[in-house]
Amino acid sequence: MLWCWDKIDHPEPVAVELLRGQVEQFGCGEHHCLFLTTQGEVLSSGANLNGELGCRSCKERSIPMHVSLPTSNKVARIAASN
């Protein structure tokens, strides 16, 4: 199970339901996090100051959301940094 929280919207941990799989790997930068599930799906949360979340239209996400990726690619590893 994945738990998420932040200083404003969710000061206490909130359980996040994944569509499929469990979190296999994660990476965090200063203001964002990426999650890789056992099904090869990528989720992101945090600030999107420079496109870190893989979402052009969103400013930030308090709860991890799926990142839209080409279906022909399977993600094997993720990393995040400042």
Protein backbone atom coordinates (compact mmCIF):
# COMPACT_ATOMS: atom_id res chain seq x y z
CA MET A 1 0.00 0.00 0.00
CA LEU A 2 1.18 3.50 -0.81
CA TRP A 3 0.73 6.30 1.73
CA CYS A 4 0.99 9.98 0.85
CA TRP A 5 0.86 13.28 2.75
CA ASP A 6 1.88 16.90 2.42
CA LYS A 7 1.92 20.04 4.55
CA ILE A 8 -1.31 21.57 3.21
CA ASP A 9 -3.88 19.19 1.67
CA HIS A 10 -3.04 16.02 3.60
CA PRO A 11 -1.10 16.72 6.83
CA GLU A 12 -1.90 13.16 7.97
CA PRO A 13 -1.01 10.10 5.83
CA VAL A 14 -3.66 9.09 3.27
CA ALA A 15 -3.75 5.64 1.65
CA VAL A 16 -3.50 5.78 -2.14
CA GLU A 17 -5.13 3.01 -4.14
CA LEU A 18 -3.17 1.82 -7.16
CA LEU A 19 -5.04 0.51 -10.19
CA ARG A 20 -2.73 -2.50 -10.48
CA GLY A 21 0.35 -3.83 -8.70
CA GLN A 22 2.36 -2.55 -5.78
CA VAL A 23 5.12 0.04 -5.55
CA GLU A 24 8.36 -1.64 -6.57
CA GLN A 25 10.63 1.40 -6.70
CA PHE A 26 10.49 5.11 -5.92
CA GLY A 27 12.64 8.18 -6.39
CA CYS A 28 12.28 11.61 -4.80
CA GLY A 29 13.57 15.05 -5.65
CA GLU A 30 13.31 18.15 -3.50
CA HIS A 31 9.63 18.76 -4.30
CA HIS A 32 8.42 15.68 -6.21
CA CYS A 33 8.34 11.87 -6.12
CA LEU A 34 8.07 9.15 -8.76
CA PHE A 35 6.77 5.63 -8.15
CA LEU A 36 7.18 2.51 -10.29
CA THR A 37 4.65 -0.29 -9.78
CA THR A 38 5.21 -4.02 -10.22
CA GLN A 39 3.10 -3.70 -13.41
CA GLY A 40 5.56 -1.18 -14.91
CA GLU A 41 3.29 1.84 -14.40
CA VAL A 42 4.72 5.18 -13.26
CA LEU A 43 2.98 7.55 -10.84
CA SER A 44 4.09 11.03 -9.81
CA SER A 45 3.26 13.56 -7.11
CA GLY A 46 4.55 16.86 -5.79
CA ALA A 47 5.41 20.17 -7.44
CA ASN A 48 5.59 20.38 -11.23
CA LEU A 49 7.75 23.49 -11.52
CA ASN A 50 9.72 22.24 -14.54
CA GLY A 51 7.69 19.29 -15.82
CA GLU A 52 9.02 16.82 -13.22
CA LEU A 53 5.66 15.05 -12.97
CA GLY A 54 5.38 14.25 -16.65
CA CYS A 55 2.22 16.36 -16.87
CA ARG A 56 2.27 19.56 -18.91
CA SER A 57 -1.12 20.81 -17.74
CA CYS A 58 -0.87 20.32 -13.97
CA LYS A 59 0.83 22.58 -11.46
CA GLU A 60 1.11 20.08 -8.63
CA ARG A 61 -0.36 16.84 -7.36
CA SER A 62 -0.79 16.00 -3.68
CA ILE A 63 -1.85 12.42 -4.45
CA PRO A 64 0.19 10.29 -6.89
CA MET A 65 -1.37 10.06 -10.35
CA HIS A 66 -0.48 7.85 -13.31
CA VAL A 67 1.96 9.26 -15.85
CA SER A 68 0.86 8.72 -19.44
CA LEU A 69 3.58 6.81 -21.32
CA PRO A 70 3.71 5.15 -24.75
CA THR A 71 2.20 1.66 -24.45
CA SER A 72 5.07 0.09 -26.42
CA ASN A 73 7.57 0.97 -23.68
CA LYS A 74 7.96 -0.84 -20.37
CA VAL A 75 9.67 1.14 -17.62
CA ALA A 76 12.33 -0.88 -15.80
CA ARG A 77 13.79 1.76 -13.45
CA ILE A 78 13.06 5.29 -12.29
CA ALA A 79 15.12 8.05 -10.66
CA ALA A 80 14.45 11.57 -9.48
CA SER A 81 16.71 14.38 -8.29
CA ASN A 82 16.79 18.12 -7.71
